[in-house]
Structures are given as structure tokens and as C-alpha cells.
Amino acid sequence: MSAEASAWAWAQEPRSSGAKLILLCLADQADPLGQCRATGYELAGKCRLTRSTVFKHLAELETHSFLVRSKQRKETRQSANHYELLL
């Protein structure tokens, strides 16, 4: 967990509360450089949202330059993506 990433996430104002929740969840998992890996299933479970809602909010966060998402090679249904929070 990175205190800097968490503090940064709390200070951000995405358009929806769901996007804020996803951002906080990713920040909670981030290293000091704001990077982490997570699956849609993990994020959905932690945030109590559906996977489709999680991906909708991730797209919003990426569109508005809160994060950059790098899709990993799909080895299984639950392959983790890499996220870089734009601290």
C-alpha cells in the first residue's frame, strides 16, 4: 500500500462515486510509484459492483486521465491488468 497513492486518490474528483471507489481500491493496492495489478473480479468483489460496472468506471478513469490501463496477455478469464495511477 502506498500512502501517497491513497492520499492522491482521496483528493481526486472523478465524475461518479463508483469511479472514486475503484480509484481508491487501486490506490490501496498501489506501490509508491502508483502501479498495481488487479482483475475485474477482484475489483468487483472489493467494491461490491458488477464486473461490467467496474469496467465502465475504469474506462471513465482512463478517459479523464486518472490512470493508464495496460491489458495483460489473456491466459485465463481472470488475468490481471496493470494499472498506473497518474499521481
PDB file of N, CA and C in Angstrom:
ATOM      1  N   MET A   1       0.838  -1.185   0.000  1.00  0.00           N
ATOM      2  CA  MET A   1       0.000   0.000   0.000  1.00  0.00           C
ATOM      3  C   MET A   1       0.879   1.243   0.000  1.00  0.00           C
ATOM      4  N   SER A   2       0.464   2.233  -0.756  1.00  0.00           N
ATOM      5  CA  SER A   2       1.195   3.494  -0.822  1.00  0.00           C
ATOM      6  C   SER A   2       0.351   4.609  -0.206  1.00  0.00           C
ATOM      7  N   ALA A   3       0.885   5.222   0.825  1.00  0.00           N
ATOM      8  CA  ALA A   3       0.178   6.343   1.460  1.00  0.00           C
ATOM      9  C   ALA A   3       0.021   7.497   0.482  1.00  0.00           C
ATOM     10  N   GLU A   4       1.027   7.706  -0.366  1.00  0.00           N
ATOM     11  CA  GLU A   4       0.960   8.790  -1.350  1.00  0.00           C
ATOM     12  C   GLU A   4      -0.166   8.547  -2.350  1.00  0.00           C
ATOM     13  N   ALA A   5      -0.267   7.304  -2.834  1.00  0.00           N
ATOM     14  CA  ALA A   5      -1.317   6.977  -3.803  1.00  0.00           C
ATOM     15  C   ALA A   5      -2.692   7.117  -3.163  1.00  0.00           C
ATOM     16  N   SER A   6      -2.833   6.670  -1.935  1.00  0.00           N
ATOM     17  CA  SER A   6      -4.125   6.794  -1.243  1.00  0.00           C
ATOM     18  C   SER A   6      -4.503   8.254  -1.023  1.00  0.00           C
ATOM     19  N   ALA A   7      -3.563   9.059  -0.577  1.00  0.00           N
ATOM     20  CA  ALA A   7      -3.841  10.490  -0.372  1.00  0.00           C
ATOM     21  C   ALA A   7      -4.212  11.156  -1.692  1.00  0.00           C
ATOM     22  N   TRP A   8      -3.502  10.803  -2.754  1.00  0.00           N
ATOM     23  CA  TRP A   8      -3.799  11.350  -4.077  1.00  0.00           C
ATOM     24  C   TRP A   8      -5.214  10.963  -4.504  1.00  0.00           C
ATOM     25  N   ALA A   9      -5.572   9.683  -4.336  1.00  0.00           N
ATOM     26  CA  ALA A   9      -6.891   9.206  -4.756  1.00  0.00           C
ATOM     27  C   ALA A   9      -8.008   9.925  -4.000  1.00  0.00           C
ATOM     28  N   TRP A  10      -7.818  10.141  -2.705  1.00  0.00           N
ATOM     29  CA  TRP A  10      -8.827  10.852  -1.927  1.00  0.00           C
ATOM     30  C   TRP A  10      -9.010  12.283  -2.421  1.00  0.00           C
ATOM     31  N   ALA A  11      -7.955  12.890  -2.931  1.00  0.00           N
ATOM     32  CA  ALA A  11      -8.028  14.277  -3.381  1.00  0.00           C
ATOM     33  C   ALA A  11      -8.646  14.425  -4.778  1.00  0.00           C
ATOM     34  N   GLN A  12      -8.805  13.333  -5.512  1.00  0.00           N
ATOM     35  CA  GLN A  12      -9.339  13.396  -6.873  1.00  0.00           C
ATOM     36  C   GLN A  12     -10.862  13.479  -6.867  1.00  0.00           C
ATOM     37  N   GLU A  13     -11.405  14.008  -7.964  1.00  0.00           N
ATOM     38  CA  GLU A  13     -12.853  14.160  -8.087  1.00  0.00           C
ATOM     39  C   GLU A  13     -13.346  13.615  -9.422  1.00  0.00           C
ATOM     40  N   PRO A  14     -13.375  12.278  -9.558  1.00  0.00           N
ATOM     41  CA  PRO A  14     -13.952  11.729 -10.790  1.00  0.00           C
ATOM     42  C   PRO A  14     -15.445  12.039 -10.842  1.00  0.00           C
ATOM     43  N   ARG A  15     -16.057  11.797 -11.991  1.00  0.00           N
ATOM     44  CA  ARG A  15     -17.450  12.182 -12.195  1.00  0.00           C
ATOM     45  C   ARG A  15     -18.457  11.361 -11.397  1.00  0.00           C
ATOM     46  N   SER A  16     -18.094  10.139 -11.012  1.00  0.00           N
ATOM     47  CA  SER A  16     -19.067   9.301 -10.312  1.00  0.00           C
ATOM     48  C   SER A  16     -18.472   8.709  -9.037  1.00  0.00           C
ATOM     49  N   SER A  17     -19.341   8.366  -8.118  1.00  0.00           N
ATOM     50  CA  SER A  17     -18.890   7.778  -6.861  1.00  0.00           C
ATOM     51  C   SER A  17     -18.310   6.386  -7.091  1.00  0.00           C
ATOM     52  N   GLY A  18     -18.840   5.657  -8.063  1.00  0.00           N
ATOM     53  CA  GLY A  18     -18.299   4.337  -8.379  1.00  0.00           C
ATOM     54  C   GLY A  18     -16.868   4.422  -8.880  1.00  0.00           C
ATOM     55  N   ALA A  19     -16.588   5.417  -9.718  1.00  0.00           N
ATOM     56  CA  ALA A  19     -15.230   5.619 -10.223  1.00  0.00           C
ATOM     57  C   ALA A  19     -14.283   5.982  -9.077  1.00  0.00           C
ATOM     58  N   LYS A  20     -14.766   6.788  -8.147  1.00  0.00           N
ATOM     59  CA  LYS A  20     -13.953   7.156  -6.980  1.00  0.00           C
ATOM     60  C   LYS A  20     -13.633   5.906  -6.156  1.00  0.00           C
ATOM     61  N   LEU A  21     -14.616   5.041  -5.968  1.00  0.00           N
ATOM     62  CA  LEU A  21     -14.410   3.816  -5.210  1.00  0.00           C
ATOM     63  C   LEU A  21     -13.367   2.914  -5.880  1.00  0.00           C
ATOM     64  N   ILE A  22     -13.447   2.771  -7.186  1.00  0.00           N
ATOM     65  CA  ILE A  22     -12.460   1.970  -7.925  1.00  0.00           C
ATOM     66  C   ILE A  22     -11.081   2.596  -7.784  1.00  0.00           C
ATOM     67  N   LEU A  23     -10.991   3.911  -7.912  1.00  0.00           N
ATOM     68  CA  LEU A  23      -9.711   4.610  -7.790  1.00  0.00           C
ATOM     69  C   LEU A  23      -9.102   4.392  -6.409  1.00  0.00           C
ATOM     70  N   LEU A  24      -9.915   4.479  -5.374  1.00  0.00           N
ATOM     71  CA  LEU A  24      -9.433   4.249  -4.005  1.00  0.00           C
ATOM     72  C   LEU A  24      -8.972   2.802  -3.815  1.00  0.00           C
ATOM     73  N   CYS A  25      -9.689   1.880  -4.401  1.00  0.00           N
ATOM     74  CA  CYS A  25      -9.317   0.466  -4.297  1.00  0.00           C
ATOM     75  C   CYS A  25      -7.974   0.216  -4.979  1.00  0.00           C
ATOM     76  N   LEU A  26      -7.780   0.780  -6.157  1.00  0.00           N
ATOM     77  CA  LEU A  26      -6.500   0.621  -6.845  1.00  0.00           C
ATOM     78  C   LEU A  26      -5.374   1.303  -6.079  1.00  0.00           C
ATOM     79  N   ALA A  27      -5.634   2.479  -5.540  1.00  0.00           N
ATOM     80  CA  ALA A  27      -4.610   3.197  -4.771  1.00  0.00           C
ATOM     81  C   ALA A  27      -4.209   2.400  -3.535  1.00  0.00           C
ATOM     82  N   ASP A  28      -5.159   1.703  -2.948  1.00  0.00           N
ATOM     83  CA  ASP A  28      -4.885   0.884  -1.774  1.00  0.00           C
ATOM     84  C   ASP A  28      -3.914  -0.255  -2.096  1.00  0.00           C
ATOM     85  N   GLN A  29      -3.913  -0.706  -3.338  1.00  0.00           N
ATOM     86  CA  GLN A  29      -3.040  -1.799  -3.770  1.00  0.00           C
ATOM     87  C   GLN A  29      -1.745  -1.313  -4.426  1.00  0.00           C
ATOM     88  N   ALA A  30      -1.638  -0.015  -4.674  1.00  0.00           N
ATOM     89  CA  ALA A  30      -0.533   0.528  -5.466  1.00  0.00           C
ATOM     90  C   ALA A  30       0.788   0.556  -4.704  1.00  0.00           C
ATOM     91  N   ASP A  31       1.868   0.483  -5.481  1.00  0.00           N
ATOM     92  CA  ASP A  31       3.202   0.661  -4.909  1.00  0.00           C
ATOM     93  C   ASP A  31       3.506   2.163  -4.848  1.00  0.00           C
ATOM     94  N   PRO A  32       4.668   2.576  -4.346  1.00  0.00           N
ATOM     95  CA  PRO A  32       4.967   4.014  -4.237  1.00  0.00           C
ATOM     96  C   PRO A  32       4.959   4.771  -5.570  1.00  0.00           C
ATOM     97  N   LEU A  33       5.073   4.057  -6.685  1.00  0.00           N
ATOM     98  CA  LEU A  33       5.032   4.709  -7.993  1.00  0.00           C
ATOM     99  C   LEU A  33       3.618   4.763  -8.568  1.00  0.00           C
ATOM    100  N   GLY A  34       2.644   4.262  -7.798  1.00  0.00           N
ATOM    101  CA  GLY A  34       1.263   4.292  -8.251  1.00  0.00           C
ATOM    102  C   GLY A  34       0.913   3.162  -9.195  1.00  0.00           C
ATOM    103  N   GLN A  35       1.640   2.064  -9.144  1.00  0.00           N
ATOM    104  CA  GLN A  35       1.386   0.946 -10.046  1.00  0.00           C
ATOM    105  C   GLN A  35       0.858  -0.257  -9.280  1.00  0.00           C
ATOM    106  N   CYS A  36      -0.078  -0.967  -9.911  1.00  0.00           N
ATOM    107  CA  CYS A  36      -0.630  -2.174  -9.291  1.00  0.00           C
ATOM    108  C   CYS A  36      -1.225  -3.068 -10.374  1.00  0.00           C
ATOM    109  N   ARG A  37      -1.603  -4.266  -9.956  1.00  0.00           N
ATOM    110  CA  ARG A  37      -2.261  -5.228 -10.837  1.00  0.00           C
ATOM    111  C   ARG A  37      -3.537  -5.694 -10.147  1.00  0.00           C
ATOM    112  N   ALA A  38      -4.591  -5.874 -10.932  1.00  0.00           N
ATOM    113  CA  ALA A  38      -5.856  -6.354 -10.380  1.00  0.00           C
ATOM    114  C   ALA A  38      -6.707  -6.942 -11.498  1.00  0.00           C
ATOM    115  N   THR A  39      -7.555  -7.888 -11.135  1.00  0.00           N
ATOM    116  CA  THR A  39      -8.513  -8.429 -12.095  1.00  0.00           C
ATOM    117  C   THR A  39      -9.852  -7.731 -11.914  1.00  0.00           C
ATOM    118  N   GLY A  40     -10.679  -7.820 -12.921  1.00  0.00           N
ATOM    119  CA  GLY A  40     -12.025  -7.276 -12.815  1.00  0.00           C
ATOM    120  C   GLY A  40     -12.811  -7.956 -11.707  1.00  0.00           C
ATOM    121  N   TYR A  41     -12.569  -9.259 -11.524  1.00  0.00           N
ATOM    122  CA  TYR A  41     -13.244  -9.993 -10.452  1.00  0.00           C
ATOM    123  C   TYR A  41     -12.823  -9.474  -9.079  1.00  0.00           C
ATOM    124  N   GLU A  42     -11.524  -9.199  -8.898  1.00  0.00           N
ATOM    125  CA  GLU A  42     -11.046  -8.670  -7.613  1.00  0.00           C
ATOM    126  C   GLU A  42     -11.680  -7.319  -7.308  1.00  0.00           C
ATOM    127  N   LEU A  43     -11.641  -6.433  -8.288  1.00  0.00           N
ATOM    128  CA  LEU A  43     -12.194  -5.092  -8.089  1.00  0.00           C
ATOM    129  C   LEU A  43     -13.700  -5.155  -7.833  1.00  0.00           C
ATOM    130  N   ALA A  44     -14.395  -5.996  -8.574  1.00  0.00           N
ATOM    131  CA  ALA A  44     -15.841  -6.136  -8.382  1.00  0.00           C
ATOM    132  C   ALA A  44     -16.151  -6.643  -6.975  1.00  0.00           C
ATOM    133  N   GLY A  45     -15.395  -7.614  -6.512  1.00  0.00           N
ATOM    134  CA  GLY A  45     -15.629  -8.164  -5.183  1.00  0.00           C
ATOM    135  C   GLY A  45     -15.341  -7.165  -4.075  1.00  0.00           C
ATOM    136  N   LYS A  46     -14.218  -6.468  -4.188  1.00  0.00           N
ATOM    137  CA  LYS A  46     -13.853  -5.499  -3.147  1.00  0.00           C
ATOM    138  C   LYS A  46     -14.803  -4.315  -3.101  1.00  0.00           C
ATOM    139  N   CYS A  47     -15.275  -3.887  -4.268  1.00  0.00           N
ATOM    140  CA  CYS A  47     -16.118  -2.689  -4.337  1.00  0.00           C
ATOM    141  C   CYS A  47     -17.607  -3.010  -4.342  1.00  0.00           C
ATOM    142  N   ARG A  48     -17.946  -4.293  -4.353  1.00  0.00           N
ATOM    143  CA  ARG A  48     -19.339  -4.740  -4.376  1.00  0.00           C
ATOM    144  C   ARG A  48     -20.091  -4.171  -5.584  1.00  0.00           C
ATOM    145  N   LEU A  49     -19.432  -4.266  -6.743  1.00  0.00           N
ATOM    146  CA  LEU A  49     -20.012  -3.827  -8.009  1.00  0.00           C
ATOM    147  C   LEU A  49     -19.966  -4.992  -8.989  1.00  0.00           C
ATOM    148  N   THR A  50     -20.732  -4.912 -10.057  1.00  0.00           N
ATOM    149  CA  THR A  50     -20.640  -5.929 -11.099  1.00  0.00           C
ATOM    150  C   THR A  50     -19.380  -5.670 -11.928  1.00  0.00           C
ATOM    151  N   ARG A  51     -18.886  -6.723 -12.583  1.00  0.00           N
ATOM    152  CA  ARG A  51     -17.695  -6.552 -13.429  1.00  0.00           C
ATOM    153  C   ARG A  51     -17.946  -5.530 -14.530  1.00  0.00           C
ATOM    154  N   SER A  52     -19.128  -5.543 -15.125  1.00  0.00           N
ATOM    155  CA  SER A  52     -19.408  -4.587 -16.197  1.00  0.00           C
ATOM    156  C   SER A  52     -19.384  -3.155 -15.676  1.00  0.00           C
ATOM    157  N   THR A  53     -19.866  -2.951 -14.462  1.00  0.00           N
ATOM    158  CA  THR A  53     -19.828  -1.611 -13.852  1.00  0.00           C
ATOM    159  C   THR A  53     -18.388  -1.212 -13.559  1.00  0.00           C
ATOM    160  N   VAL A  54     -17.586  -2.152 -13.078  1.00  0.00           N
ATOM    161  CA  VAL A  54     -16.168  -1.876 -12.822  1.00  0.00           C
ATOM    162  C   VAL A  54     -15.485  -1.425 -14.102  1.00  0.00           C
ATOM    163  N   PHE A  55     -15.703  -2.151 -15.202  1.00  0.00           N
ATOM    164  CA  PHE A  55     -15.043  -1.792 -16.456  1.00  0.00           C
ATOM    165  C   PHE A  55     -15.545  -0.459 -17.004  1.00  0.00           C
ATOM    166  N   LYS A  56     -16.816  -0.134 -16.759  1.00  0.00           N
ATOM    167  CA  LYS A  56     -17.352   1.174 -17.162  1.00  0.00           C
ATOM    168  C   LYS A  56     -16.627   2.290 -16.411  1.00  0.00           C
ATOM    169  N   HIS A  57     -16.441   2.103 -15.108  1.00  0.00           N
ATOM    170  CA  HIS A  57     -15.758   3.120 -14.306  1.00  0.00           C
ATOM    171  C   HIS A  57     -14.270   3.200 -14.646  1.00  0.00           C
ATOM    172  N   LEU A  58     -13.646   2.071 -14.926  1.00  0.00           N
ATOM    173  CA  LEU A  58     -12.238   2.088 -15.336  1.00  0.00           C
ATOM    174  C   LEU A  58     -12.068   2.871 -16.634  1.00  0.00           C
ATOM    175  N   ALA A  59     -12.990   2.687 -17.573  1.00  0.00           N
ATOM    176  CA  ALA A  59     -12.930   3.442 -18.831  1.00  0.00           C
ATOM    177  C   ALA A  59     -13.073   4.936 -18.569  1.00  0.00           C
ATOM    178  N   GLU A  60     -13.968   5.297 -17.649  1.00  0.00           N
ATOM    179  CA  GLU A  60     -14.138   6.711 -17.281  1.00  0.00           C
ATOM    180  C   GLU A  60     -12.850   7.271 -16.685  1.00  0.00           C
ATOM    181  N   LEU A  61     -12.240   6.517 -15.772  1.00  0.00           N
ATOM    182  CA  LEU A  61     -10.999   6.973 -15.130  1.00  0.00           C
ATOM    183  C   LEU A  61      -9.874   7.126 -16.140  1.00  0.00           C
ATOM    184  N   GLU A  62      -9.830   6.225 -17.102  1.00  0.00           N
ATOM    185  CA  GLU A  62      -8.792   6.302 -18.130  1.00  0.00           C
ATOM    186  C   GLU A  62      -9.049   7.475 -19.070  1.00  0.00           C
ATOM    187  N   THR A  63     -10.289   7.686 -19.451  1.00  0.00           N
ATOM    188  CA  THR A  63     -10.654   8.791 -20.347  1.00  0.00           C
ATOM    189  C   THR A  63     -10.304  10.144 -19.739  1.00  0.00           C
ATOM    190  N   HIS A  64     -10.498  10.269 -18.432  1.00  0.00           N
ATOM    191  CA  HIS A  64     -10.253  11.540 -17.757  1.00  0.00           C
ATOM    192  C   HIS A  64      -8.877  11.616 -17.102  1.00  0.00           C
ATOM    193  N   SER A  65      -7.961  10.754 -17.547  1.00  0.00           N
ATOM    194  CA  SER A  65      -6.534  10.792 -17.175  1.00  0.00           C
ATOM    195  C   SER A  65      -6.244  10.622 -15.684  1.00  0.00           C
ATOM    196  N   PHE A  66      -6.989   9.743 -15.042  1.00  0.00           N
ATOM    197  CA  PHE A  66      -6.667   9.379 -13.665  1.00  0.00           C
ATOM    198  C   PHE A  66      -5.726   8.176 -13.632  1.00  0.00           C
ATOM    199  N   LEU A  67      -5.796   7.350 -14.687  1.00  0.00           N
ATOM    200  CA  LEU A  67      -4.959   6.154 -14.726  1.00  0.00           C
ATOM    201  C   LEU A  67      -4.729   5.718 -16.159  1.00  0.00           C
ATOM    202  N   VAL A  68      -3.740   4.842 -16.310  1.00  0.00           N
ATOM    203  CA  VAL A  68      -3.464   4.188 -17.585  1.00  0.00           C
ATOM    204  C   VAL A  68      -3.585   2.696 -17.324  1.00  0.00           C
ATOM    205  N   ARG A  69      -4.362   2.038 -18.154  1.00  0.00           N
ATOM    206  CA  ARG A  69      -4.585   0.597 -18.012  1.00  0.00           C
ATOM    207  C   ARG A  69      -3.859  -0.129 -19.126  1.00  0.00           C
ATOM    208  N   SER A  70      -3.069  -1.126 -18.776  1.00  0.00           N
ATOM    209  CA  SER A  70      -2.380  -1.963 -19.755  1.00  0.00           C
ATOM    210  C   SER A  70      -2.933  -3.363 -19.627  1.00  0.00           C
ATOM    211  N   LYS A  71      -3.598  -3.819 -20.653  1.00  0.00           N
ATOM    212  CA  LYS A  71      -4.158  -5.163 -20.614  1.00  0.00           C
ATOM    213  C   LYS A  71      -3.030  -6.182 -20.751  1.00  0.00           C
ATOM    214  N   GLN A  72      -3.066  -7.162 -19.890  1.00  0.00           N
ATOM    215  CA  GLN A  72      -2.077  -8.231 -19.934  1.00  0.00           C
ATOM    216  C   GLN A  72      -2.554  -9.300 -20.910  1.00  0.00           C
ATOM    217  N   ARG A  73      -1.635 -10.083 -21.380  1.00  0.00           N
ATOM    218  CA  ARG A  73      -1.973 -11.190 -22.265  1.00  0.00           C
ATOM    219  C   ARG A  73      -2.966 -12.089 -21.543  1.00  0.00           C
ATOM    220  N   LYS A  74      -4.033 -12.413 -22.219  1.00  0.00           N
ATOM    221  CA  LYS A  74      -5.105 -13.181 -21.576  1.00  0.00           C
ATOM    222  C   LYS A  74      -4.738 -14.660 -21.534  1.00  0.00           C
ATOM    223  N   GLU A  75      -4.350 -15.118 -20.368  1.00  0.00           N
ATOM    224  CA  GLU A  75      -4.028 -16.525 -20.170  1.00  0.00           C
ATOM    225  C   GLU A  75      -5.226 -17.270 -19.597  1.00  0.00           C
ATOM    226  N   THR A  76      -5.988 -16.597 -18.759  1.00  0.00           N
ATOM    227  CA  THR A  76      -7.204 -17.174 -18.176  1.00  0.00           C
ATOM    228  C   THR A  76      -8.260 -16.086 -18.137  1.00  0.00           C
ATOM    229  N   ARG A  77      -9.458 -16.464 -17.727  1.00  0.00           N
ATOM    230  CA  ARG A  77     -10.526 -15.468 -17.595  1.00  0.00           C
ATOM    231  C   ARG A  77     -10.186 -14.420 -16.555  1.00  0.00           C
ATOM    232  N   GLN A  78      -9.313 -14.757 -15.625  1.00  0.00           N
ATOM    233  CA  GLN A  78      -9.030 -13.853 -14.521  1.00  0.00           C
ATOM    234  C   GLN A  78      -7.640 -13.229 -14.603  1.00  0.00           C
ATOM    235  N   SER A  79      -7.089 -13.081 -15.796  1.00  0.00           N
ATOM    236  CA  SER A  79      -5.787 -12.445 -15.930  1.00  0.00           C
ATOM    237  C   SER A  79      -5.849 -10.999 -15.420  1.00  0.00           C
ATOM    238  N   ALA A  80      -4.859 -10.614 -14.643  1.00  0.00           N
ATOM    239  CA  ALA A  80      -4.830  -9.264 -14.066  1.00  0.00           C
ATOM    240  C   ALA A  80      -4.337  -8.249 -15.086  1.00  0.00           C
ATOM    241  N   ASN A  81      -4.891  -7.057 -15.005  1.00  0.00           N
ATOM    242  CA  ASN A  81      -4.401  -5.938 -15.789  1.00  0.00           C
ATOM    243  C   ASN A  81      -3.433  -5.132 -14.942  1.00  0.00           C
ATOM    244  N   HIS A  82      -2.574  -4.393 -15.608  1.00  0.00           N
ATOM    245  CA  HIS A  82      -1.636  -3.498 -14.925  1.00  0.00           C
ATOM    246  C   HIS A  82      -2.234  -2.099 -14.970  1.00  0.00           C
ATOM    247  N   TYR A  83      -2.213  -1.425 -13.840  1.00  0.00           N
ATOM    248  CA  TYR A  83      -2.740  -0.053 -13.745  1.00  0.00           C
ATOM    249  C   TYR A  83      -1.652   0.869 -13.238  1.00  0.00           C
ATOM    250  N   GLU A  84      -1.556   2.027 -13.866  1.00  0.00           N
ATOM    251  CA  GLU A  84      -0.645   3.062 -13.390  1.00  0.00           C
ATOM    252  C   GLU A  84      -1.491   4.282 -13.050  1.00  0.00           C
ATOM    253  N   LEU A  85      -1.520   4.628 -11.771  1.00  0.00           N
ATOM    254  CA  LEU A  85      -2.233   5.826 -11.340  1.00  0.00           C
ATOM    255  C   LEU A  85      -1.388   7.028 -11.711  1.00  0.00           C
ATOM    256  N   LEU A  86      -1.996   8.034 -12.301  1.00  0.00           N
ATOM    257  CA  LEU A  86      -1.253   9.215 -12.755  1.00  0.00           C
ATOM    258  C   LEU A  86      -1.157  10.232 -11.628  1.00  0.00           C
ATOM    259  N   LEU A  87      -0.312   9.890 -10.664  1.00  0.00           N
ATOM    260  CA  LEU A  87      -0.123  10.697  -9.447  1.00  0.00           C
ATOM    261  C   LEU A  87       0.407  12.085  -9.769  1.00  0.00           C
TER     262      LEU A  87
END
